[in-house]
């Protein structure tokens, strides 16, 4: 039998006017999801970097490892540059919707204010990218070198190398400490130093996010100027035609 019951109308959700807590959650989610792809690229390049550490030549390790890390940072910069452009476009659209509301014109009910440009959002995206480094670096650094052979110590170091290798591999280039019998005791420097590498994605994300927004702003201003120039050129041409026709009328 056919279902003759009337279909329930979907509830219209007003995304453009969230509460403070809702907006906070949405902003965090927006920045977190934007951080996933850069993090995966860092992770992918870290795995390649681990393979490049095979062998005994520290100079080759340093060169190839640096190339891998910089490649991850370059992709991070590329993505955040476009995030900045995208978010600046959302900011312009949001300002237009809010201006329309002042005149009683309802528009943009599906606008997402959490996607609007803010100066600090790029740095927050970078912080989410660097979060595994901060957490795992703090855990690994808190374990004394003497306990590296234990399951807890080894697990912490393996986790740091696998999930945040781009931060811990560079400190391995400074050498390791070995016992008189040749047993490895750990890194020459504390893993706490890996946390310093968290600045890499934070600064790269924040700076290129701002650059992307600036480029988008300049592009929009240039487009407005071109439109104004076209209008002014048309007005000048029309004025010249009117003046010419008036001169010809007086001659007759």
Protein backbone atom coordinates (compact mmCIF):
# COMPACT_ATOMS: atom_id res chain seq x y z
CA UNK A 1 0.00 0.00 0.00
CA UNK A 2 1.09 3.53 -0.67
CA UNK A 3 2.10 5.55 2.29
CA UNK A 4 -0.49 8.31 2.35
CA UNK A 5 0.90 9.99 5.46
CA UNK A 6 2.14 13.49 4.69
CA UNK A 7 5.87 13.85 4.57
CA UNK A 8 7.38 15.69 7.45
CA UNK A 9 8.94 18.94 6.38
CA UNK A 10 12.60 19.16 7.15
CA UNK A 11 13.35 21.65 9.86
CA UNK A 12 15.18 24.65 8.49
CA UNK A 13 18.40 25.18 10.41
CA UNK A 14 19.66 28.72 10.75
CA UNK A 15 23.42 28.29 10.46
CA UNK A 16 24.02 32.02 10.21
CA UNK A 17 23.06 32.88 13.81
CA UNK A 18 24.62 30.29 16.15
CA UNK A 19 24.95 30.84 19.88
CA UNK A 20 28.33 31.56 21.42
CA UNK A 21 28.97 27.98 22.51
CA UNK A 22 27.72 26.57 19.20
CA UNK A 23 29.92 28.98 17.27
CA UNK A 24 32.91 28.04 19.42
CA UNK A 25 32.38 24.33 18.71
CA UNK A 26 31.93 24.92 15.01
CA UNK A 27 35.07 27.04 14.80
CA UNK A 28 37.08 24.30 16.52
CA UNK A 29 35.69 21.67 14.18
CA UNK A 30 36.33 23.84 11.11
CA UNK A 31 39.98 24.40 12.10
CA UNK A 32 40.45 20.76 13.12
CA UNK A 33 39.13 19.36 9.84
CA UNK A 34 41.30 21.81 7.91
CA UNK A 35 44.30 20.47 9.86
CA UNK A 36 43.74 16.80 8.98
CA UNK A 37 45.11 16.91 5.43
CA UNK A 38 48.30 18.85 6.32
CA UNK A 39 48.90 16.45 9.22
CA UNK A 40 48.52 13.43 6.93
CA UNK A 41 51.05 14.96 4.54
CA UNK A 42 53.52 15.47 7.39
CA UNK A 43 52.87 11.86 8.45
CA UNK A 44 53.43 10.57 4.92
CA UNK A 45 56.66 12.52 4.54
CA UNK A 46 57.78 11.31 7.99
CA UNK A 47 57.46 7.70 6.85
CA UNK A 48 59.58 8.47 3.79
CA UNK A 49 62.02 10.28 6.08
CA UNK A 50 62.32 7.16 8.25
CA UNK A 51 63.27 5.10 5.21
CA UNK A 52 65.86 7.71 4.29
CA UNK A 53 67.54 7.23 7.68
CA UNK A 54 68.80 3.77 6.70
CA UNK A 55 72.56 3.65 6.53
CA UNK A 56 75.35 5.22 8.55
CA UNK A 57 76.01 8.51 6.76
CA UNK A 58 74.62 11.28 8.98
CA UNK A 59 75.03 13.90 6.24
CA UNK A 60 72.82 11.93 3.86
CA UNK A 61 70.31 11.43 6.67
CA UNK A 62 70.24 15.16 7.36
CA UNK A 63 69.89 16.16 3.71
CA UNK A 64 67.18 13.68 2.75
CA UNK A 65 65.33 14.16 6.03
CA UNK A 66 65.33 17.94 5.62
CA UNK A 67 63.94 17.60 2.09
CA UNK A 68 61.11 15.38 3.35
CA UNK A 69 60.22 17.74 6.19
CA UNK A 70 60.32 20.79 3.92
CA UNK A 71 58.11 19.00 1.39
CA UNK A 72 55.50 18.46 4.10
CA UNK A 73 55.77 22.11 5.12
CA UNK A 74 55.39 23.22 1.48
CA UNK A 75 52.16 21.26 1.12
CA UNK A 76 51.00 22.67 4.45
CA UNK A 77 51.69 26.19 3.13
CA UNK A 78 49.82 25.50 -0.12
CA UNK A 79 46.71 24.27 1.69
CA UNK A 80 46.60 27.05 4.26
CA UNK A 81 47.11 29.65 1.53
CA UNK A 82 43.90 28.44 -0.09
CA UNK A 83 42.15 28.17 3.30
CA UNK A 84 42.90 31.86 3.83
CA UNK A 85 41.45 32.79 0.43
CA UNK A 86 38.37 30.67 1.04
CA UNK A 87 37.74 32.06 4.52
CA UNK A 88 38.18 35.65 3.36
CA UNK A 89 35.52 35.04 0.73
CA UNK A 90 33.21 33.75 3.46
CA UNK A 91 33.95 36.86 5.52
CA UNK A 92 32.92 39.14 2.64
CA UNK A 93 29.72 37.13 2.15
CA UNK A 94 28.97 37.28 5.89
CA UNK A 95 29.42 41.05 6.01
CA UNK A 96 27.03 41.38 3.06
CA UNK A 97 24.39 39.24 4.79
CA UNK A 98 24.70 41.20 8.02
CA UNK A 99 24.43 44.50 6.13
CA UNK A 100 21.27 43.27 4.43
CA UNK A 101 19.79 42.35 7.81
CA UNK A 102 20.23 45.95 8.99
CA UNK A 103 17.87 46.99 6.20
CA UNK A 104 15.42 44.21 6.98
CA UNK A 105 16.48 41.99 4.08
CA UNK A 106 16.74 38.35 5.10
CA UNK A 107 19.50 36.50 3.28
CA UNK A 108 22.16 33.94 3.90
CA UNK A 109 20.35 31.64 6.32
CA UNK A 110 22.76 28.88 5.34
CA UNK A 111 25.86 31.05 5.78
CA UNK A 112 28.52 29.53 8.04
CA UNK A 113 30.15 32.22 10.22
CA UNK A 114 32.64 29.67 11.55
CA UNK A 115 34.20 29.67 8.06
CA UNK A 116 34.84 33.40 8.04
CA UNK A 117 38.38 34.71 8.06
CA UNK A 118 40.00 35.56 11.38
CA UNK A 119 43.66 36.42 11.86
CA UNK A 120 44.22 33.69 14.45
CA UNK A 121 42.51 30.80 12.62
CA UNK A 122 45.59 29.84 10.60
CA UNK A 123 47.64 29.52 13.77
CA UNK A 124 44.90 27.41 15.36
CA UNK A 125 44.94 25.10 12.34
CA UNK A 126 48.71 24.78 12.77
CA UNK A 127 48.26 24.03 16.47
CA UNK A 128 45.96 21.14 15.65
CA UNK A 129 48.53 19.85 13.13
CA UNK A 130 51.23 20.03 15.83
CA UNK A 131 49.11 18.56 18.63
CA UNK A 132 50.49 14.97 18.30
CA UNK A 133 54.03 16.38 18.54
CA UNK A 134 53.24 18.30 21.70
CA UNK A 135 51.53 15.37 23.40
CA UNK A 136 53.89 12.58 22.34
CA UNK A 137 56.99 14.76 22.80
CA UNK A 138 55.96 15.54 26.36
CA UNK A 139 55.32 11.86 27.11
CA UNK A 140 58.58 10.65 25.55
CA UNK A 141 60.58 13.42 27.23
CA UNK A 142 59.22 12.52 30.65
CA UNK A 143 60.66 8.99 30.43
CA UNK A 144 64.30 8.74 31.64
CA UNK A 145 66.84 7.36 29.19
CA UNK A 146 67.57 4.50 31.56
CA UNK A 147 64.03 3.22 31.08
CA UNK A 148 64.07 3.29 27.28
CA UNK A 149 64.34 -0.47 27.16
CA UNK A 150 61.09 -0.85 29.04
CA UNK A 151 57.89 -1.36 27.10
CA UNK A 152 56.46 2.01 28.16
CA UNK A 153 59.57 3.94 27.15
CA UNK A 154 59.98 2.14 23.86
CA UNK A 155 56.31 2.54 23.02
CA UNK A 156 56.48 6.28 23.62
CA UNK A 157 59.46 6.68 21.33
CA UNK A 158 57.98 4.48 18.62
CA UNK A 159 54.72 6.44 18.77
CA UNK A 160 56.60 9.72 18.50
CA UNK A 161 58.66 8.44 15.55
CA UNK A 162 55.64 7.02 13.71
CA UNK A 163 53.07 9.77 14.25
CA UNK A 164 55.36 12.79 14.56
CA UNK A 165 58.57 11.65 12.95
CA UNK A 166 59.16 15.03 11.30
CA UNK A 167 59.69 16.44 14.82
CA UNK A 168 61.76 13.70 16.44
CA UNK A 169 63.96 12.56 13.55
CA UNK A 170 65.93 15.86 13.41
CA UNK A 171 67.00 15.50 17.05
CA UNK A 172 68.36 12.00 16.30
CA UNK A 173 70.90 13.64 13.97
CA UNK A 174 72.59 15.02 17.08
CA UNK A 175 73.64 11.50 18.01
CA UNK A 176 72.82 8.88 20.64
CA UNK A 177 74.32 7.82 23.95
CA UNK A 178 75.65 4.28 24.30
CA UNK A 179 76.87 2.27 27.26
CA UNK A 180 80.45 0.89 27.42
CA UNK A 181 79.13 -2.46 26.22
CA UNK A 182 77.57 -0.82 23.13
CA UNK A 183 74.00 -0.84 24.40
CA UNK A 184 71.99 2.17 23.19
CA UNK A 185 70.85 4.32 26.10
CA UNK A 186 68.91 6.93 24.16
CA UNK A 187 69.23 10.21 22.36
CA UNK A 188 71.96 12.69 23.17
CA UNK A 189 69.30 15.39 23.64
CA UNK A 190 66.00 15.06 25.44
CA UNK A 191 62.87 14.37 23.36
CA UNK A 192 61.41 17.51 24.89
CA UNK A 193 63.25 19.32 22.09
CA UNK A 194 60.89 17.71 19.57
CA UNK A 195 58.15 19.96 20.95
CA UNK A 196 60.04 22.96 19.54
CA UNK A 197 59.32 21.62 16.05
CA UNK A 198 55.63 22.23 16.73
CA UNK A 199 56.38 25.81 15.74
CA UNK A 200 56.92 24.67 12.13
CA UNK A 201 53.27 23.91 11.23
CA UNK A 202 51.96 26.67 13.51
CA UNK A 203 54.03 29.38 11.81
CA UNK A 204 53.66 27.97 8.30
CA UNK A 205 49.89 27.58 8.65
CA UNK A 206 49.37 30.99 10.25
CA UNK A 207 51.58 32.96 7.87
CA UNK A 208 50.32 31.43 4.64
CA UNK A 209 46.72 31.62 5.85
CA UNK A 210 47.22 35.38 6.22
CA UNK A 211 48.95 35.61 2.85
CA UNK A 212 46.06 33.80 1.16
CA UNK A 213 43.53 36.15 2.75
CA UNK A 214 45.60 39.19 1.73
CA UNK A 215 45.86 37.98 -1.88
CA UNK A 216 42.10 37.37 -2.01
CA UNK A 217 41.43 40.84 -0.61
CA UNK A 218 43.71 42.46 -3.19
CA UNK A 219 42.07 40.44 -5.95
CA UNK A 220 38.59 41.55 -4.91
CA UNK A 221 39.65 45.19 -4.62
CA UNK A 222 41.23 45.01 -8.08
CA UNK A 223 38.02 43.52 -9.47
CA UNK A 224 35.98 46.36 -7.95
CA UNK A 225 38.40 48.91 -9.40
CA UNK A 226 38.14 47.31 -12.85
CA UNK A 227 34.35 47.46 -12.65
CA UNK A 228 34.49 51.12 -11.64
CA UNK A 229 36.92 51.89 -14.47
CA UNK A 230 34.58 50.26 -16.97
CA UNK A 231 31.62 52.26 -15.68
CA UNK A 232 33.62 55.50 -15.75
CA UNK A 233 34.89 54.76 -19.26
CA UNK A 234 31.31 54.14 -20.41
CA UNK A 235 30.15 57.39 -18.84
CA UNK A 236 32.98 59.32 -20.50
CA UNK A 237 32.18 57.77 -23.87
CA UNK A 238 28.48 58.63 -23.48
CA UNK A 239 29.37 62.18 -22.49
CA UNK A 240 31.62 62.58 -25.53
CA UNK A 241 28.85 61.31 -27.81
CA UNK A 242 26.36 63.78 -26.30
CA UNK A 243 28.81 66.67 -26.64
CA UNK A 244 29.58 65.72 -30.22
CA UNK A 245 25.91 65.52 -31.11
CA UNK A 246 25.30 68.92 -29.46
CA UNK A 247 28.14 70.50 -31.46
CA UNK A 248 26.81 69.07 -34.69
CA UNK A 249 23.31 70.35 -33.84
CA UNK A 250 24.60 73.88 -33.32
CA UNK A 251 26.43 73.84 -36.66
CA UNK A 252 23.20 72.98 -38.46
